[in-house]
N, C-alpha and C. Protein backbone atom coordinates (compact mmCIF):
# COMPACT_ATOMS: atom_id res chain seq x y z
N MET A 1 -6.70 -50.82 8.30
CA MET A 1 -5.98 -51.20 9.51
C MET A 1 -5.20 -49.99 10.01
N ALA A 2 -5.61 -49.49 11.14
CA ALA A 2 -5.01 -48.28 11.68
C ALA A 2 -3.72 -48.58 12.43
N GLY A 3 -3.72 -49.59 13.28
CA GLY A 3 -2.56 -49.88 14.10
C GLY A 3 -2.42 -48.85 15.21
N SER A 4 -1.39 -49.05 15.99
CA SER A 4 -1.16 -48.14 17.10
C SER A 4 -0.45 -46.88 16.62
N ILE A 5 -0.51 -45.85 17.46
CA ILE A 5 0.07 -44.55 17.17
C ILE A 5 1.19 -44.32 18.18
N LYS A 6 2.33 -43.83 17.72
CA LYS A 6 3.41 -43.47 18.65
C LYS A 6 3.14 -42.07 19.18
N VAL A 7 3.23 -41.93 20.51
CA VAL A 7 3.06 -40.61 21.11
C VAL A 7 4.34 -40.24 21.85
N THR A 8 4.46 -38.95 22.13
CA THR A 8 5.65 -38.41 22.79
C THR A 8 5.21 -37.49 23.92
N ASP A 9 6.19 -37.02 24.68
CA ASP A 9 5.89 -36.03 25.72
C ASP A 9 5.15 -34.83 25.12
N SER A 10 5.53 -34.44 23.91
CA SER A 10 4.97 -33.22 23.34
C SER A 10 3.56 -33.38 22.79
N ASN A 11 3.16 -34.59 22.38
CA ASN A 11 1.80 -34.72 21.84
C ASN A 11 0.89 -35.61 22.69
N PHE A 12 1.33 -36.03 23.87
CA PHE A 12 0.54 -36.89 24.74
C PHE A 12 -0.79 -36.23 25.10
N ASP A 13 -0.74 -34.97 25.43
CA ASP A 13 -1.95 -34.24 25.81
C ASP A 13 -2.99 -34.27 24.68
N ALA A 14 -2.57 -33.96 23.48
CA ALA A 14 -3.49 -33.92 22.34
C ALA A 14 -3.99 -35.31 21.96
N GLU A 15 -3.10 -36.30 21.93
CA GLU A 15 -3.47 -37.64 21.47
C GLU A 15 -4.22 -38.46 22.51
N VAL A 16 -3.93 -38.23 23.80
CA VAL A 16 -4.50 -39.07 24.85
C VAL A 16 -5.50 -38.29 25.71
N LEU A 17 -5.05 -37.24 26.34
CA LEU A 17 -5.89 -36.54 27.31
C LEU A 17 -7.07 -35.82 26.65
N GLN A 18 -6.90 -35.37 25.41
CA GLN A 18 -7.98 -34.67 24.72
C GLN A 18 -8.72 -35.55 23.72
N SER A 19 -8.45 -36.84 23.74
CA SER A 19 -9.07 -37.76 22.78
C SER A 19 -10.57 -37.87 23.03
N ALA A 20 -11.33 -37.90 21.96
CA ALA A 20 -12.78 -38.08 22.06
C ALA A 20 -13.15 -39.54 22.35
N THR A 21 -12.20 -40.44 22.14
CA THR A 21 -12.45 -41.87 22.38
C THR A 21 -11.53 -42.37 23.48
N PRO A 22 -11.86 -43.50 24.12
CA PRO A 22 -10.95 -44.09 25.10
C PRO A 22 -9.61 -44.43 24.44
N VAL A 23 -8.54 -44.36 25.22
CA VAL A 23 -7.19 -44.60 24.70
C VAL A 23 -6.45 -45.56 25.62
N LEU A 24 -5.90 -46.62 25.04
CA LEU A 24 -5.00 -47.50 25.78
C LEU A 24 -3.58 -47.03 25.48
N VAL A 25 -2.83 -46.68 26.51
CA VAL A 25 -1.44 -46.25 26.35
C VAL A 25 -0.53 -47.39 26.78
N ASP A 26 0.35 -47.79 25.87
CA ASP A 26 1.37 -48.79 26.15
C ASP A 26 2.66 -48.05 26.47
N PHE A 27 3.06 -48.06 27.74
CA PHE A 27 4.34 -47.49 28.14
C PHE A 27 5.37 -48.60 27.97
N TYR A 28 6.33 -48.41 27.07
CA TYR A 28 7.26 -49.47 26.70
C TYR A 28 8.67 -48.91 26.48
N ALA A 29 9.61 -49.83 26.20
CA ALA A 29 10.95 -49.46 25.74
C ALA A 29 11.38 -50.49 24.71
N ASP A 30 12.20 -50.07 23.76
CA ASP A 30 12.63 -50.96 22.68
C ASP A 30 13.40 -52.18 23.18
N TRP A 31 14.12 -52.05 24.29
CA TRP A 31 14.94 -53.14 24.80
C TRP A 31 14.16 -54.15 25.65
N CYS A 32 12.91 -53.87 25.94
CA CYS A 32 12.10 -54.66 26.87
C CYS A 32 11.47 -55.87 26.17
N ALA A 33 11.88 -57.08 26.57
CA ALA A 33 11.36 -58.31 25.95
C ALA A 33 9.86 -58.48 26.16
N PRO A 34 9.32 -58.30 27.38
CA PRO A 34 7.86 -58.41 27.53
C PRO A 34 7.09 -57.38 26.69
N CYS A 35 7.69 -56.21 26.48
CA CYS A 35 7.06 -55.19 25.64
C CYS A 35 6.93 -55.70 24.21
N LYS A 36 7.94 -56.41 23.75
CA LYS A 36 7.90 -56.96 22.39
C LYS A 36 6.83 -58.04 22.26
N VAL A 37 6.59 -58.79 23.35
CA VAL A 37 5.52 -59.79 23.36
C VAL A 37 4.16 -59.09 23.21
N MET A 38 4.00 -57.95 23.87
CA MET A 38 2.73 -57.23 23.85
C MET A 38 2.45 -56.53 22.52
N SER A 39 3.48 -56.18 21.79
CA SER A 39 3.32 -55.36 20.59
C SER A 39 2.29 -55.92 19.59
N PRO A 40 2.37 -57.20 19.18
CA PRO A 40 1.36 -57.68 18.22
C PRO A 40 -0.05 -57.74 18.81
N ILE A 41 -0.16 -57.98 20.10
CA ILE A 41 -1.46 -58.00 20.76
C ILE A 41 -2.09 -56.61 20.69
N LEU A 42 -1.28 -55.59 20.95
CA LEU A 42 -1.77 -54.22 20.93
C LEU A 42 -2.13 -53.77 19.52
N GLU A 43 -1.38 -54.24 18.54
CA GLU A 43 -1.70 -53.90 17.14
C GLU A 43 -3.06 -54.51 16.77
N GLU A 44 -3.32 -55.74 17.20
CA GLU A 44 -4.62 -56.37 16.95
C GLU A 44 -5.74 -55.57 17.61
N LEU A 45 -5.52 -55.14 18.86
CA LEU A 45 -6.54 -54.34 19.56
C LEU A 45 -6.81 -53.03 18.83
N ALA A 46 -5.75 -52.39 18.36
CA ALA A 46 -5.90 -51.13 17.63
C ALA A 46 -6.79 -51.34 16.41
N ASP A 47 -6.59 -52.45 15.71
CA ASP A 47 -7.42 -52.75 14.54
C ASP A 47 -8.84 -53.11 14.94
N ASP A 48 -8.99 -53.90 16.02
CA ASP A 48 -10.32 -54.33 16.49
C ASP A 48 -11.20 -53.15 16.89
N PHE A 49 -10.59 -52.12 17.48
CA PHE A 49 -11.36 -51.00 18.01
C PHE A 49 -11.23 -49.72 17.18
N GLU A 50 -10.74 -49.86 15.96
CA GLU A 50 -10.57 -48.69 15.10
C GLU A 50 -11.88 -47.92 14.99
N GLY A 51 -11.82 -46.63 15.28
CA GLY A 51 -13.00 -45.77 15.20
C GLY A 51 -13.73 -45.60 16.52
N THR A 52 -13.58 -46.55 17.46
CA THR A 52 -14.28 -46.43 18.75
C THR A 52 -13.34 -46.22 19.92
N ALA A 53 -12.10 -46.63 19.76
CA ALA A 53 -11.06 -46.45 20.78
C ALA A 53 -9.73 -46.51 20.07
N LYS A 54 -8.67 -46.07 20.74
CA LYS A 54 -7.37 -46.14 20.07
C LYS A 54 -6.29 -46.65 21.01
N VAL A 55 -5.23 -47.14 20.39
CA VAL A 55 -4.07 -47.66 21.11
C VAL A 55 -2.88 -46.81 20.71
N VAL A 56 -2.16 -46.33 21.72
CA VAL A 56 -0.95 -45.54 21.46
C VAL A 56 0.21 -46.13 22.24
N LYS A 57 1.42 -45.88 21.76
CA LYS A 57 2.63 -46.39 22.40
C LYS A 57 3.52 -45.21 22.77
N LEU A 58 4.04 -45.24 24.00
CA LEU A 58 4.95 -44.19 24.45
C LEU A 58 6.24 -44.84 24.93
N ASP A 59 7.33 -44.54 24.25
CA ASP A 59 8.66 -45.05 24.62
C ASP A 59 9.12 -44.31 25.87
N THR A 60 9.22 -45.02 27.00
CA THR A 60 9.55 -44.38 28.27
C THR A 60 10.97 -43.82 28.31
N ASP A 61 11.88 -44.43 27.55
CA ASP A 61 13.25 -43.92 27.52
C ASP A 61 13.33 -42.58 26.79
N ALA A 62 12.58 -42.45 25.70
CA ALA A 62 12.62 -41.23 24.90
C ALA A 62 11.69 -40.15 25.44
N ASN A 63 10.74 -40.54 26.31
CA ASN A 63 9.73 -39.59 26.81
C ASN A 63 9.59 -39.72 28.33
N PRO A 64 10.66 -39.37 29.07
CA PRO A 64 10.65 -39.58 30.52
C PRO A 64 9.67 -38.71 31.29
N ASN A 65 9.30 -37.57 30.76
CA ASN A 65 8.41 -36.67 31.50
C ASN A 65 7.02 -37.28 31.68
N THR A 66 6.46 -37.81 30.61
CA THR A 66 5.13 -38.42 30.70
C THR A 66 5.19 -39.68 31.54
N ALA A 67 6.22 -40.49 31.36
CA ALA A 67 6.37 -41.71 32.15
C ALA A 67 6.45 -41.38 33.65
N ALA A 68 7.18 -40.33 33.99
CA ALA A 68 7.29 -39.92 35.39
C ALA A 68 5.97 -39.37 35.91
N ALA A 69 5.26 -38.63 35.08
CA ALA A 69 3.99 -38.04 35.51
C ALA A 69 2.96 -39.10 35.89
N TYR A 70 3.04 -40.27 35.26
CA TYR A 70 2.10 -41.35 35.55
C TYR A 70 2.74 -42.47 36.38
N ASP A 71 3.88 -42.15 37.00
CA ASP A 71 4.54 -43.06 37.93
C ASP A 71 4.78 -44.44 37.33
N ILE A 72 5.32 -44.45 36.11
CA ILE A 72 5.61 -45.71 35.43
C ILE A 72 6.95 -46.22 35.96
N ARG A 73 6.91 -47.32 36.70
CA ARG A 73 8.11 -47.90 37.31
C ARG A 73 8.51 -49.22 36.69
N SER A 74 7.55 -49.89 36.06
CA SER A 74 7.81 -51.17 35.39
C SER A 74 7.18 -51.10 34.01
N ILE A 75 7.81 -51.79 33.07
CA ILE A 75 7.25 -51.84 31.72
C ILE A 75 7.18 -53.30 31.29
N PRO A 76 6.22 -53.64 30.46
CA PRO A 76 5.20 -52.75 29.92
C PRO A 76 4.13 -52.43 30.96
N THR A 77 3.68 -51.20 30.93
CA THR A 77 2.51 -50.78 31.70
C THR A 77 1.48 -50.30 30.69
N MET A 78 0.26 -50.81 30.83
CA MET A 78 -0.83 -50.37 29.97
C MET A 78 -1.81 -49.60 30.84
N MET A 79 -2.19 -48.41 30.37
CA MET A 79 -3.19 -47.61 31.06
C MET A 79 -4.28 -47.25 30.06
N ILE A 80 -5.54 -47.35 30.49
CA ILE A 80 -6.64 -46.89 29.66
C ILE A 80 -7.10 -45.55 30.21
N PHE A 81 -7.19 -44.58 29.31
CA PHE A 81 -7.67 -43.23 29.64
C PHE A 81 -9.03 -43.04 28.99
N ASP A 82 -9.94 -42.41 29.71
CA ASP A 82 -11.23 -42.05 29.16
C ASP A 82 -11.55 -40.65 29.64
N GLY A 83 -11.85 -39.78 28.71
CA GLY A 83 -12.12 -38.39 29.07
C GLY A 83 -10.94 -37.71 29.71
N GLY A 84 -9.73 -38.12 29.35
CA GLY A 84 -8.52 -37.51 29.89
C GLY A 84 -8.08 -38.07 31.23
N ASN A 85 -8.83 -39.02 31.78
CA ASN A 85 -8.50 -39.59 33.09
C ASN A 85 -8.10 -41.05 32.98
N PRO A 86 -7.08 -41.45 33.74
CA PRO A 86 -6.73 -42.87 33.75
C PRO A 86 -7.82 -43.65 34.49
N VAL A 87 -8.36 -44.70 33.85
CA VAL A 87 -9.45 -45.47 34.45
C VAL A 87 -9.07 -46.93 34.69
N ALA A 88 -7.95 -47.37 34.11
CA ALA A 88 -7.50 -48.75 34.33
C ALA A 88 -5.99 -48.79 34.11
N ARG A 89 -5.33 -49.72 34.83
CA ARG A 89 -3.88 -49.83 34.73
C ARG A 89 -3.48 -51.29 34.93
N GLY A 90 -2.55 -51.74 34.11
CA GLY A 90 -2.02 -53.10 34.25
C GLY A 90 -0.54 -53.09 33.95
N VAL A 91 0.19 -53.95 34.63
CA VAL A 91 1.64 -54.03 34.43
C VAL A 91 1.99 -55.45 34.00
N GLY A 92 2.90 -55.54 33.03
CA GLY A 92 3.36 -56.85 32.56
C GLY A 92 2.56 -57.31 31.35
N VAL A 93 2.86 -58.53 30.93
CA VAL A 93 2.19 -59.10 29.77
C VAL A 93 0.74 -59.42 30.16
N SER A 94 -0.18 -58.94 29.34
CA SER A 94 -1.60 -59.16 29.59
C SER A 94 -2.22 -59.86 28.38
N PRO A 95 -3.16 -60.76 28.62
CA PRO A 95 -3.83 -61.39 27.48
C PRO A 95 -4.71 -60.39 26.74
N LYS A 96 -4.85 -60.59 25.45
CA LYS A 96 -5.65 -59.70 24.62
C LYS A 96 -7.07 -59.58 25.17
N GLU A 97 -7.65 -60.69 25.59
CA GLU A 97 -9.03 -60.69 26.07
C GLU A 97 -9.23 -59.75 27.27
N ALA A 98 -8.24 -59.71 28.17
CA ALA A 98 -8.35 -58.83 29.34
C ALA A 98 -8.35 -57.36 28.92
N LEU A 99 -7.48 -57.01 27.99
CA LEU A 99 -7.42 -55.63 27.52
C LEU A 99 -8.68 -55.27 26.74
N LYS A 100 -9.15 -56.22 25.93
CA LYS A 100 -10.37 -56.02 25.14
C LYS A 100 -11.56 -55.78 26.07
N LYS A 101 -11.63 -56.54 27.14
CA LYS A 101 -12.71 -56.40 28.11
C LYS A 101 -12.71 -55.01 28.74
N GLY A 102 -11.52 -54.49 29.03
CA GLY A 102 -11.40 -53.13 29.59
C GLY A 102 -12.01 -52.10 28.65
N PHE A 103 -11.67 -52.19 27.37
CA PHE A 103 -12.24 -51.26 26.39
C PHE A 103 -13.76 -51.44 26.30
N GLU A 104 -14.21 -52.69 26.25
CA GLU A 104 -15.64 -52.96 26.11
C GLU A 104 -16.44 -52.42 27.29
N GLN A 105 -15.90 -52.52 28.50
CA GLN A 105 -16.59 -52.00 29.68
C GLN A 105 -16.73 -50.48 29.60
N ILE A 106 -15.65 -49.83 29.19
CA ILE A 106 -15.68 -48.36 29.08
C ILE A 106 -16.66 -47.93 27.99
N LEU A 107 -16.64 -48.62 26.86
CA LEU A 107 -17.56 -48.27 25.77
C LEU A 107 -19.02 -48.53 26.16
N ALA A 108 -19.25 -49.58 26.94
CA ALA A 108 -20.61 -49.88 27.41
C ALA A 108 -21.11 -48.78 28.36
N LYS A 109 -20.23 -48.30 29.23
CA LYS A 109 -20.60 -47.21 30.14
C LYS A 109 -20.94 -45.95 29.36
N ARG A 110 -20.15 -45.68 28.33
CA ARG A 110 -20.41 -44.50 27.49
C ARG A 110 -21.76 -44.62 26.80
N ALA A 111 -22.06 -45.82 26.30
CA ALA A 111 -23.32 -46.04 25.57
C ALA A 111 -24.52 -45.89 26.51
N ALA A 112 -24.35 -46.27 27.75
CA ALA A 112 -25.45 -46.21 28.73
C ALA A 112 -25.67 -44.78 29.25
N ALA A 113 -24.65 -43.94 29.11
CA ALA A 113 -24.75 -42.57 29.66
C ALA A 113 -25.60 -41.68 28.80
């Protein structure tokens, strides 16, 4: 069980933009109640897609530069990156199935290429 990875302004480029696999980034803050609702869902996704995609968490309070670079105005915001580019974005509490579908679509496109 891999679980999610915490990223920061300093390692976002290496962990997300240079990742060989698709990455779901959870932009969150410790004080955010909806973020806490999403946390176990994201941990399940990280385990479900271990080896084919990854889930990372970025605390927007501690890492304002990355949050500002991606125009994060509300949290939780989830963004999926593929090949260093943001390809999907959602704000607020999202069901696991919707996030899972996003990963599956990206992985299917990769397999077809």
